[in-house]
C-alpha atoms as a PDB file:
ATOM      1  CA  UNK A   1     116.140 -35.611-142.778  1.00  0.00           C
ATOM      2  CA  UNK A   2     116.037 -39.149-144.192  1.00  0.00           C
ATOM      3  CA  UNK A   3     116.575 -42.601-142.831  1.00  0.00           C
ATOM      4  CA  UNK A   4     119.344 -44.599-144.425  1.00  0.00           C
ATOM      5  CA  UNK A   5     119.385 -47.688-142.185  1.00  0.00           C
ATOM      6  CA  UNK A   6     117.655 -49.891-141.255  1.00  0.00           C
ATOM      7  CA  UNK A   7     116.220 -50.293-144.805  1.00  0.00           C
ATOM      8  CA  UNK A   8     112.448 -51.126-144.797  1.00  0.00           C
ATOM      9  CA  UNK A   9     109.713 -50.881-147.440  1.00  0.00           C
ATOM     10  CA  UNK A  10     108.997 -47.450-146.083  1.00  0.00           C
ATOM     11  CA  UNK A  11     112.605 -46.089-146.249  1.00  0.00           C
ATOM     12  CA  UNK A  12     112.515 -45.045-149.876  1.00  0.00           C
ATOM     13  CA  UNK A  13     108.961 -43.960-149.759  1.00  0.00           C
ATOM     14  CA  UNK A  14     109.470 -41.710-146.753  1.00  0.00           C
ATOM     15  CA  UNK A  15     112.175 -39.760-148.608  1.00  0.00           C
ATOM     16  CA  UNK A  16     113.676 -36.609-147.245  1.00  0.00           C
ATOM     17  CA  UNK A  17     111.360 -34.702-144.892  1.00  0.00           C
ATOM     18  CA  UNK A  18     111.278 -32.647-141.713  1.00  0.00           C
ATOM     19  CA  UNK A  19     111.281 -34.888-138.714  1.00  0.00           C
ATOM     20  CA  UNK A  20     109.310 -33.749-135.741  1.00  0.00           C
ATOM     21  CA  UNK A  21     110.478 -34.072-132.137  1.00  0.00           C
ATOM     22  CA  UNK A  22     107.953 -36.906-131.703  1.00  0.00           C
ATOM     23  CA  UNK A  23     109.461 -38.731-134.615  1.00  0.00           C
ATOM     24  CA  UNK A  24     113.019 -38.283-133.245  1.00  0.00           C
ATOM     25  CA  UNK A  25     111.765 -39.349-129.785  1.00  0.00           C
ATOM     26  CA  UNK A  26     110.365 -42.543-131.183  1.00  0.00           C
ATOM     27  CA  UNK A  27     113.558 -43.211-133.213  1.00  0.00           C
ATOM     28  CA  UNK A  28     115.738 -42.787-130.159  1.00  0.00           C
ATOM     29  CA  UNK A  29     113.508 -44.259-127.486  1.00  0.00           C
ATOM     30  CA  UNK A  30     115.437 -46.276-124.808  1.00  0.00           C
ATOM     31  CA  UNK A  31     115.010 -50.049-124.879  1.00  0.00           C
ATOM     32  CA  UNK A  32     112.207 -51.540-122.827  1.00  0.00           C
ATOM     33  CA  UNK A  33     113.386 -52.405-119.294  1.00  0.00           C
ATOM     34  CA  UNK A  34     113.590 -56.039-118.586  1.00  0.00           C
ATOM     35  CA  UNK A  35     111.052 -57.780-116.197  1.00  0.00           C
ATOM     36  CA  UNK A  36     113.497 -57.779-113.308  1.00  0.00           C
ATOM     37  CA  UNK A  37     114.591 -54.167-113.875  1.00  0.00           C
ATOM     38  CA  UNK A  38     114.200 -51.543-111.113  1.00  0.00           C
ATOM     39  CA  UNK A  39     115.749 -53.458-108.156  1.00  0.00           C
ATOM     40  CA  UNK A  40     118.782 -52.058-106.448  1.00  0.00           C
ATOM     41  CA  UNK A  41     121.038 -54.739-107.734  1.00  0.00           C
ATOM     42  CA  UNK A  42     119.579 -54.661-111.280  1.00  0.00           C
ATOM     43  CA  UNK A  43     122.288 -52.653-112.781  1.00  0.00           C
ATOM     44  CA  UNK A  44     125.541 -53.534-114.621  1.00  0.00           C
ATOM     45  CA  UNK A  45     126.690 -55.979-111.883  1.00  0.00           C
ATOM     46  CA  UNK A  46     128.189 -55.066-108.642  1.00  0.00           C
ATOM     47  CA  UNK A  47     129.537 -51.518-107.913  1.00  0.00           C
ATOM     48  CA  UNK A  48     133.125 -52.656-108.409  1.00  0.00           C
ATOM     49  CA  UNK A  49     132.475 -54.881-111.416  1.00  0.00           C
ATOM     50  CA  UNK A  50     134.970 -55.127-114.189  1.00  0.00           C
ATOM     51  CA  UNK A  51     134.043 -55.036-117.907  1.00  0.00           C
ATOM     52  CA  UNK A  52     132.951 -58.659-118.091  1.00  0.00           C
ATOM     53  CA  UNK A  53     131.002 -58.594-114.857  1.00  0.00           C
ATOM     54  CA  UNK A  54     129.486 -55.174-115.545  1.00  0.00           C
ATOM     55  CA  UNK A  55     127.354 -56.523-118.389  1.00  0.00           C
ATOM     56  CA  UNK A  56     123.959 -57.845-117.382  1.00  0.00           C
ATOM     57  CA  UNK A  57     121.415 -59.107-119.857  1.00  0.00           C
ATOM     58  CA  UNK A  58     118.106 -57.423-119.389  1.00  0.00           C
ATOM     59  CA  UNK A  59     119.548 -55.025-116.761  1.00  0.00           C
ATOM     60  CA  UNK A  60     117.361 -52.082-116.041  1.00  0.00           C
ATOM     61  CA  UNK A  61     120.048 -49.432-116.616  1.00  0.00           C
ATOM     62  CA  UNK A  62     121.004 -48.232-120.039  1.00  0.00           C
ATOM     63  CA  UNK A  63     123.937 -45.803-120.654  1.00  0.00           C
ATOM     64  CA  UNK A  64     124.108 -44.182-124.070  1.00  0.00           C
ATOM     65  CA  UNK A  65     126.661 -41.536-125.236  1.00  0.00           C
ATOM     66  CA  UNK A  66     126.010 -38.681-127.614  1.00  0.00           C
ATOM     67  CA  UNK A  67     129.074 -37.314-129.457  1.00  0.00           C
ATOM     68  CA  UNK A  68     129.937 -35.465-132.630  1.00  0.00           C
ATOM     69  CA  UNK A  69     133.073 -36.087-134.728  1.00  0.00           C
ATOM     70  CA  UNK A  70     134.512 -34.236-137.861  1.00  0.00           C
ATOM     71  CA  UNK A  71     135.602 -36.360-140.813  1.00  0.00           C
ATOM     72  CA  UNK A  72     139.146 -36.200-139.527  1.00  0.00           C
ATOM     73  CA  UNK A  73     138.195 -37.521-136.093  1.00  0.00           C
ATOM     74  CA  UNK A  74     137.987 -34.255-134.061  1.00  0.00           C
ATOM     75  CA  UNK A  75     135.523 -34.092-131.205  1.00  0.00           C
ATOM     76  CA  UNK A  76     135.721 -30.324-131.110  1.00  0.00           C
ATOM     77  CA  UNK A  77     137.114 -27.260-132.676  1.00  0.00           C
ATOM     78  CA  UNK A  78     138.967 -24.711-130.657  1.00  0.00           C
ATOM     79  CA  UNK A  79     137.795 -26.358-127.565  1.00  0.00           C
ATOM     80  CA  UNK A  80     134.068 -26.591-128.269  1.00  0.00           C
ATOM     81  CA  UNK A  81     131.821 -28.954-130.166  1.00  0.00           C
ATOM     82  CA  UNK A  82     129.347 -26.317-131.486  1.00  0.00           C
ATOM     83  CA  UNK A  83     131.556 -25.319-134.629  1.00  0.00           C
ATOM     84  CA  UNK A  84     131.202 -28.923-135.952  1.00  0.00           C
ATOM     85  CA  UNK A  85     127.506 -29.360-134.971  1.00  0.00           C
ATOM     86  CA  UNK A  86     124.276 -28.406-136.927  1.00  0.00           C
ATOM     87  CA  UNK A  87     120.717 -27.575-136.233  1.00  0.00           C
ATOM     88  CA  UNK A  88     119.688 -31.120-136.800  1.00  0.00           C
ATOM     89  CA  UNK A  89     122.425 -32.331-134.497  1.00  0.00           C
ATOM     90  CA  UNK A  90     121.119 -29.990-131.927  1.00  0.00           C
ATOM     91  CA  UNK A  91     117.579 -31.256-132.333  1.00  0.00           C
ATOM     92  CA  UNK A  92     118.762 -34.747-131.629  1.00  0.00           C
ATOM     93  CA  UNK A  93     120.853 -33.507-128.619  1.00  0.00           C
ATOM     94  CA  UNK A  94     117.692 -32.045-127.152  1.00  0.00           C
ATOM     95  CA  UNK A  95     115.673 -35.089-127.945  1.00  0.00           C
ATOM     96  CA  UNK A  96     118.271 -37.439-126.134  1.00  0.00           C
ATOM     97  CA  UNK A  97     118.087 -35.079-123.173  1.00  0.00           C
ATOM     98  CA  UNK A  98     114.265 -35.020-123.284  1.00  0.00           C
ATOM     99  CA  UNK A  99     114.300 -38.933-122.889  1.00  0.00           C
ATOM    100  CA  UNK A 100     117.037 -39.270-120.227  1.00  0.00           C
ATOM    101  CA  UNK A 101     116.634 -39.496-116.493  1.00  0.00           C
ATOM    102  CA  UNK A 102     120.087 -38.150-116.006  1.00  0.00           C
ATOM    103  CA  UNK A 103     122.765 -36.533-118.129  1.00  0.00           C
ATOM    104  CA  UNK A 104     126.297 -37.457-116.939  1.00  0.00           C
ATOM    105  CA  UNK A 105     129.131 -35.089-117.896  1.00  0.00           C
ATOM    106  CA  UNK A 106     132.701 -34.575-116.866  1.00  0.00           C
ATOM    107  CA  UNK A 107     133.776 -31.534-114.994  1.00  0.00           C
ATOM    108  CA  UNK A 108     136.089 -30.272-117.880  1.00  0.00           C
ATOM    109  CA  UNK A 109     133.084 -30.429-120.314  1.00  0.00           C
ATOM    110  CA  UNK A 110     131.048 -28.404-117.868  1.00  0.00           C
ATOM    111  CA  UNK A 111     133.759 -25.752-117.682  1.00  0.00           C
ATOM    112  CA  UNK A 112     134.557 -25.705-121.445  1.00  0.00           C
ATOM    113  CA  UNK A 113     130.885 -25.816-122.739  1.00  0.00           C
ATOM    114  CA  UNK A 114     129.357 -23.508-120.140  1.00  0.00           C
ATOM    115  CA  UNK A 115     126.799 -26.060-118.960  1.00  0.00           C
ATOM    116  CA  UNK A 116     123.486 -24.898-117.735  1.00  0.00           C
ATOM    117  CA  UNK A 117     120.670 -26.747-115.956  1.00  0.00           C
ATOM    118  CA  UNK A 118     118.415 -28.960-118.109  1.00  0.00           C
ATOM    119  CA  UNK A 119     115.019 -27.360-118.712  1.00  0.00           C
ATOM    120  CA  UNK A 120     111.593 -28.824-118.922  1.00  0.00           C
ATOM    121  CA  UNK A 121     110.223 -28.972-122.478  1.00  0.00           C
ATOM    122  CA  UNK A 122     106.593 -29.119-123.342  1.00  0.00           C
ATOM    123  CA  UNK A 123     107.410 -31.363-126.340  1.00  0.00           C
ATOM    124  CA  UNK A 124     108.477 -34.212-123.945  1.00  0.00           C
ATOM    125  CA  UNK A 125     106.184 -33.522-120.967  1.00  0.00           C
ATOM    126  CA  UNK A 126     103.726 -36.185-121.726  1.00  0.00           C
ATOM    127  CA  UNK A 127     106.335 -38.818-122.476  1.00  0.00           C
ATOM    128  CA  UNK A 128     108.228 -38.069-119.323  1.00  0.00           C
ATOM    129  CA  UNK A 129     105.031 -38.178-117.267  1.00  0.00           C
ATOM    130  CA  UNK A 130     104.007 -41.622-118.740  1.00  0.00           C
ATOM    131  CA  UNK A 131     107.452 -42.967-118.024  1.00  0.00           C
ATOM    132  CA  UNK A 132     107.325 -41.788-114.470  1.00  0.00           C
ATOM    133  CA  UNK A 133     110.123 -39.147-115.089  1.00  0.00           C
ATOM    134  CA  UNK A 134     110.485 -35.732-113.498  1.00  0.00           C
ATOM    135  CA  UNK A 135     109.998 -32.640-115.687  1.00  0.00           C
ATOM    136  CA  UNK A 136     113.752 -32.527-116.723  1.00  0.00           C
ATOM    137  CA  UNK A 137     116.766 -34.744-116.500  1.00  0.00           C
ATOM    138  CA  UNK A 138     119.192 -34.539-113.598  1.00  0.00           C
ATOM    139  CA  UNK A 139     122.620 -33.263-114.564  1.00  0.00           C
ATOM    140  CA  UNK A 140     125.284 -35.471-112.851  1.00  0.00           C
ATOM    141  CA  UNK A 141     128.762 -33.923-112.922  1.00  0.00           C
ATOM    142  CA  UNK A 142     131.682 -36.284-112.579  1.00  0.00           C
ATOM    143  CA  UNK A 143     134.596 -34.559-110.672  1.00  0.00           C
ATOM    144  CA  UNK A 144     137.469 -35.797-108.561  1.00  0.00           C
ATOM    145  CA  UNK A 145     138.700 -32.386-107.393  1.00  0.00           C
ATOM    146  CA  UNK A 146     135.211 -30.700-107.266  1.00  0.00           C
ATOM    147  CA  UNK A 147     137.071 -27.648-108.637  1.00  0.00           C
ATOM    148  CA  UNK A 148     133.863 -26.012-110.058  1.00  0.00           C
ATOM    149  CA  UNK A 149     132.307 -22.599-109.893  1.00  0.00           C
ATOM    150  CA  UNK A 150     129.358 -23.300-107.571  1.00  0.00           C
ATOM    151  CA  UNK A 151     127.853 -19.864-108.260  1.00  0.00           C
ATOM    152  CA  UNK A 152     126.960 -20.973-111.848  1.00  0.00           C
ATOM    153  CA  UNK A 153     123.247 -21.479-112.709  1.00  0.00           C
ATOM    154  CA  UNK A 154     123.900 -25.272-113.044  1.00  0.00           C
ATOM    155  CA  UNK A 155     124.227 -25.216-109.263  1.00  0.00           C
ATOM    156  CA  UNK A 156     122.111 -22.341-108.128  1.00  0.00           C
ATOM    157  CA  UNK A 157     119.127 -22.513-110.562  1.00  0.00           C
ATOM    158  CA  UNK A 158     118.505 -26.127-111.484  1.00  0.00           C
ATOM    159  CA  UNK A 159     114.908 -27.354-111.916  1.00  0.00           C
ATOM    160  CA  UNK A 160     116.146 -30.518-110.116  1.00  0.00           C
ATOM    161  CA  UNK A 161     119.197 -30.583-107.855  1.00  0.00           C
ATOM    162  CA  UNK A 162     122.606 -31.176-109.642  1.00  0.00           C
ATOM    163  CA  UNK A 163     124.397 -34.331-108.609  1.00  0.00           C
ATOM    164  CA  UNK A 164     128.150 -34.274-108.126  1.00  0.00           C
ATOM    165  CA  UNK A 165     129.768 -37.788-108.511  1.00  0.00           C
ATOM    166  CA  UNK A 166     133.246 -37.958-106.818  1.00  0.00           C
ATOM    167  CA  UNK A 167     135.544 -40.161-104.840  1.00  0.00           C
ATOM    168  CA  UNK A 168     135.823 -40.770-101.198  1.00  0.00           C
ATOM    169  CA  UNK A 169     139.049 -38.788-101.014  1.00  0.00           C
ATOM    170  CA  UNK A 170     137.446 -35.599-102.250  1.00  0.00           C
ATOM    171  CA  UNK A 171     138.173 -32.421-100.277  1.00  0.00           C
ATOM    172  CA  UNK A 172     135.725 -32.165 -97.351  1.00  0.00           C
ATOM    173  CA  UNK A 173     135.877 -28.414 -97.790  1.00  0.00           C
ATOM    174  CA  UNK A 174     134.778 -28.701-101.487  1.00  0.00           C
ATOM    175  CA  UNK A 175     132.133 -31.140-100.568  1.00  0.00           C
ATOM    176  CA  UNK A 176     130.598 -28.712 -98.026  1.00  0.00           C
ATOM    177  CA  UNK A 177     130.824 -25.885-100.556  1.00  0.00           C
ATOM    178  CA  UNK A 178     129.057 -27.952-103.152  1.00  0.00           C
ATOM    179  CA  UNK A 179     126.267 -28.793-100.654  1.00  0.00           C
ATOM    180  CA  UNK A 180     125.770 -25.262 -99.552  1.00  0.00           C
ATOM    181  CA  UNK A 181     125.280 -24.403-103.260  1.00  0.00           C
ATOM    182  CA  UNK A 182     122.472 -26.932-103.410  1.00  0.00           C
ATOM    183  CA  UNK A 183     124.242 -29.818-105.137  1.00  0.00           C
ATOM    184  CA  UNK A 184     123.975 -33.395-103.919  1.00  0.00           C
ATOM    185  CA  UNK A 185     127.310 -35.122-103.559  1.00  0.00           C
ATOM    186  CA  UNK A 186     127.499 -38.774-104.335  1.00  0.00           C
ATOM    187  CA  UNK A 187     130.532 -40.923-103.621  1.00  0.00           C
ATOM    188  CA  UNK A 188     131.198 -43.334-106.320  1.00  0.00           C
ATOM    189  CA  UNK A 189     134.813 -44.381-105.735  1.00  0.00           C
ATOM    190  CA  UNK A 190     137.130 -45.387-102.893  1.00  0.00           C
ATOM    191  CA  UNK A 191     139.935 -43.130-103.973  1.00  0.00           C
ATOM    192  CA  UNK A 192     140.108 -39.595-105.421  1.00  0.00           C
ATOM    193  CA  UNK A 193     138.323 -40.387-108.594  1.00  0.00           C
ATOM    194  CA  UNK A 194     135.046 -41.784-109.742  1.00  0.00           C
ATOM    195  CA  UNK A 195     134.824 -45.574-110.772  1.00  0.00           C
ATOM    196  CA  UNK A 196     132.504 -45.781-113.846  1.00  0.00           C
ATOM    197  CA  UNK A 197     130.583 -48.891-112.799  1.00  0.00           C
ATOM    198  CA  UNK A 198     129.990 -47.386-109.412  1.00  0.00           C
ATOM    199  CA  UNK A 199     128.762 -44.216-110.797  1.00  0.00           C
ATOM    200  CA  UNK A 200     126.198 -46.072-113.041  1.00  0.00           C
ATOM    201  CA  UNK A 201     125.237 -48.092-109.935  1.00  0.00           C
ATOM    202  CA  UNK A 202     124.821 -45.023-107.689  1.00  0.00           C
ATOM    203  CA  UNK A 203     122.529 -43.261-110.270  1.00  0.00           C
ATOM    204  CA  UNK A 204     120.455 -46.538-110.786  1.00  0.00           C
ATOM    205  CA  UNK A 205     119.956 -46.560-106.990  1.00  0.00           C
ATOM    206  CA  UNK A 206     118.261 -43.258-107.190  1.00  0.00           C
ATOM    207  CA  UNK A 207     115.928 -44.481-109.913  1.00  0.00           C
ATOM    208  CA  UNK A 208     117.948 -42.851-112.619  1.00  0.00           C
ATOM    209  CA  UNK A 209     118.226 -45.628-115.200  1.00  0.00           C
ATOM    210  CA  UNK A 210     117.936 -43.981-118.545  1.00  0.00           C
ATOM    211  CA  UNK A 211     121.400 -42.435-118.660  1.00  0.00           C
ATOM    212  CA  UNK A 212     122.995 -40.142-121.135  1.00  0.00           C
ATOM    213  CA  UNK A 213     126.629 -38.964-121.263  1.00  0.00           C
ATOM    214  CA  UNK A 214     127.751 -36.010-123.304  1.00  0.00           C
ATOM    215  CA  UNK A 215     131.488 -36.542-122.588  1.00  0.00           C
ATOM    216  CA  UNK A 216     134.023 -35.353-122.518  1.00  0.00           C
ATOM    217  CA  UNK A 217     136.370 -37.704-124.282  1.00  0.00           C
ATOM    218  CA  UNK A 218     138.268 -38.819-121.140  1.00  0.00           C
ATOM    219  CA  UNK A 219     135.046 -39.782-119.276  1.00  0.00           C
ATOM    220  CA  UNK A 220     133.572 -41.573-122.415  1.00  0.00           C
ATOM    221  CA  UNK A 221     136.811 -43.531-122.583  1.00  0.00           C
ATOM    222  CA  UNK A 222     136.514 -44.542-118.969  1.00  0.00           C
ATOM    223  CA  UNK A 223     132.916 -45.715-119.454  1.00  0.00           C
ATOM    224  CA  UNK A 224     133.936 -47.713-122.488  1.00  0.00           C
ATOM    225  CA  UNK A 225     136.841 -49.244-120.717  1.00  0.00           C
ATOM    226  CA  UNK A 226     134.740 -50.223-117.750  1.00  0.00           C
ATOM    227  CA  UNK A 227     132.243 -51.989-120.065  1.00  0.00           C
ATOM    228  CA  UNK A 228     129.259 -49.948-119.020  1.00  0.00           C
ATOM    229  CA  UNK A 229     128.649 -48.072-122.265  1.00  0.00           C
ATOM    230  CA  UNK A 230     125.659 -49.668-123.934  1.00  0.00           C
ATOM    231  CA  UNK A 231     125.077 -47.290-126.816  1.00  0.00           C
ATOM    232  CA  UNK A 232     126.894 -44.599-128.903  1.00  0.00           C
ATOM    233  CA  UNK A 233     124.975 -41.957-130.852  1.00  0.00           C
ATOM    234  CA  UNK A 234     127.619 -40.536-133.059  1.00  0.00           C
ATOM    235  CA  UNK A 235     127.156 -37.696-135.340  1.00  0.00           C
ATOM    236  CA  UNK A 236     129.544 -37.635-138.239  1.00  0.00           C
ATOM    237  CA  UNK A 237     129.980 -34.052-139.197  1.00  0.00           C
ATOM    238  CA  UNK A 238     130.948 -33.228-142.868  1.00  0.00           C
ATOM    239  CA  UNK A 239     133.763 -30.972-141.639  1.00  0.00           C
ATOM    240  CA  UNK A 240     137.516 -31.196-141.238  1.00  0.00           C
ATOM    241  CA  UNK A 241     139.369 -29.372-138.560  1.00  0.00           C
ATOM    242  CA  UNK A 242     142.928 -30.569-138.882  1.00  0.00           C
ATOM    243  CA  UNK A 243     144.870 -29.413-135.791  1.00  0.00           C
ATOM    244  CA  UNK A 244     145.313 -31.712-132.784  1.00  0.00           C
ATOM    245  CA  UNK A 245     141.775 -31.863-131.243  1.00  0.00           C
ATOM    246  CA  UNK A 246     140.836 -34.768-129.033  1.00  0.00           C
ATOM    247  CA  UNK A 247     138.918 -37.754-130.397  1.00  0.00           C
ATOM    248  CA  UNK A 248     135.513 -38.601-129.002  1.00  0.00           C
ATOM    249  CA  UNK A 249     137.105 -40.981-126.425  1.00  0.00           C
ATOM    250  CA  UNK A 250     140.412 -40.744-124.785  1.00  0.00           C
ATOM    251  CA  UNK A 251     142.419 -42.858-122.278  1.00  0.00           C
ATOM    252  CA  UNK A 252     144.692 -46.050-122.132  1.00  0.00           C
ATOM    253  CA  UNK A 253     144.458 -48.429-125.042  1.00  0.00           C
ATOM    254  CA  UNK A 254     141.887 -51.164-124.480  1.00  0.00           C
ATOM    255  CA  UNK A 255     143.311 -54.740-124.421  1.00  0.00           C
ATOM    256  CA  UNK A 256     140.794 -55.636-127.164  1.00  0.00           C
ATOM    257  CA  UNK A 257     138.576 -53.260-129.066  1.00  0.00           C
ATOM    258  CA  UNK A 258     135.030 -53.048-127.848  1.00  0.00           C
ATOM    259  CA  UNK A 259     132.635 -54.065-130.567  1.00  0.00           C
ATOM    260  CA  UNK A 260     129.388 -52.374-131.462  1.00  0.00           C
ATOM    261  CA  UNK A 261     126.723 -53.081-133.978  1.00  0.00           C
ATOM    262  CA  UNK A 262     125.077 -50.432-136.269  1.00  0.00           C
ATOM    263  CA  UNK A 263     121.476 -49.827-135.153  1.00  0.00           C
ATOM    264  CA  UNK A 264     120.416 -46.829-137.362  1.00  0.00           C
ATOM    265  CA  UNK A 265     121.507 -44.014-139.538  1.00  0.00           C
ATOM    266  CA  UNK A 266     119.784 -40.831-140.331  1.00  0.00           C
ATOM    267  CA  UNK A 267     121.045 -38.115-142.681  1.00  0.00           C
ATOM    268  CA  UNK A 268     120.484 -34.373-143.137  1.00  0.00           C
ATOM    269  CA  UNK A 269     122.649 -31.779-144.999  1.00  0.00           C
ATOM    270  CA  UNK A 270     125.551 -34.258-145.173  1.00  0.00           C
ATOM    271  CA  UNK A 271     125.565 -34.969-141.454  1.00  0.00           C
ATOM    272  CA  UNK A 272     125.162 -38.725-140.496  1.00  0.00           C
ATOM    273  CA  UNK A 273     123.481 -39.410-137.212  1.00  0.00           C
ATOM    274  CA  UNK A 274     124.360 -42.934-136.322  1.00  0.00           C
ATOM    275  CA  UNK A 275     123.435 -45.269-133.435  1.00  0.00           C
ATOM    276  CA  UNK A 276     125.559 -48.239-132.431  1.00  0.00           C
ATOM    277  CA  UNK A 277     124.725 -50.778-129.652  1.00  0.00           C
ATOM    278  CA  UNK A 278     127.367 -52.746-127.764  1.00  0.00           C
ATOM    279  CA  UNK A 279     127.513 -56.380-128.718  1.00  0.00           C
END
């Protein structure tokens, strides 16, 4: 793996080498939290904030997304992201999880990708302890219907209880079933669905401020439209799928394109591992 950007005196000298998990953890470290961070209101504005109000300089919460895309813009092949991924991509995937307080994921992605509980990893244990984090990130599933299989290990065998983010109109019967399975149900919307800014606020209130979302595309589109997506870690895979697979983000057209600045680029075996931060 080699660093292509930013260019420094060491960039060329470092050349192509194997990056350790510590190297990757340093490269993908979350921004330092601001001096006012940590208070209940120190998130992306109020729970019902719109895109402009949602942004808060120095706020204590940071939401990053991790996605992979083929050269022709596909976020998956035959319903799964694995065919367009790589070993290096999975190392970065694991690193991002190892740094996060919570992994936010849509219910459809849980069903399609067969999500399992996050596990504690020795490689990140010291970092997590120093940051005051638990042994593994919380998995927070976003679902309006709560139409999930609560017998799956994600709900029955997590190291830390799985969170379910849903709306106030969710079926009381499904809520009770989820709670019987050991999940904690969090209301983050007044209607049937979840409001992205309220979801971020609800997680931050629980001390979960280093957030990572792994999709799917519809949920990433909702976070972007709500103005609460701070960073995009995008792997560009040297593959083409053709077909009609989804892009990394879906949903209604934004009134104006959201602008991001390139933060870094790593490369291995033709895969580009990019980081973009919201302007």
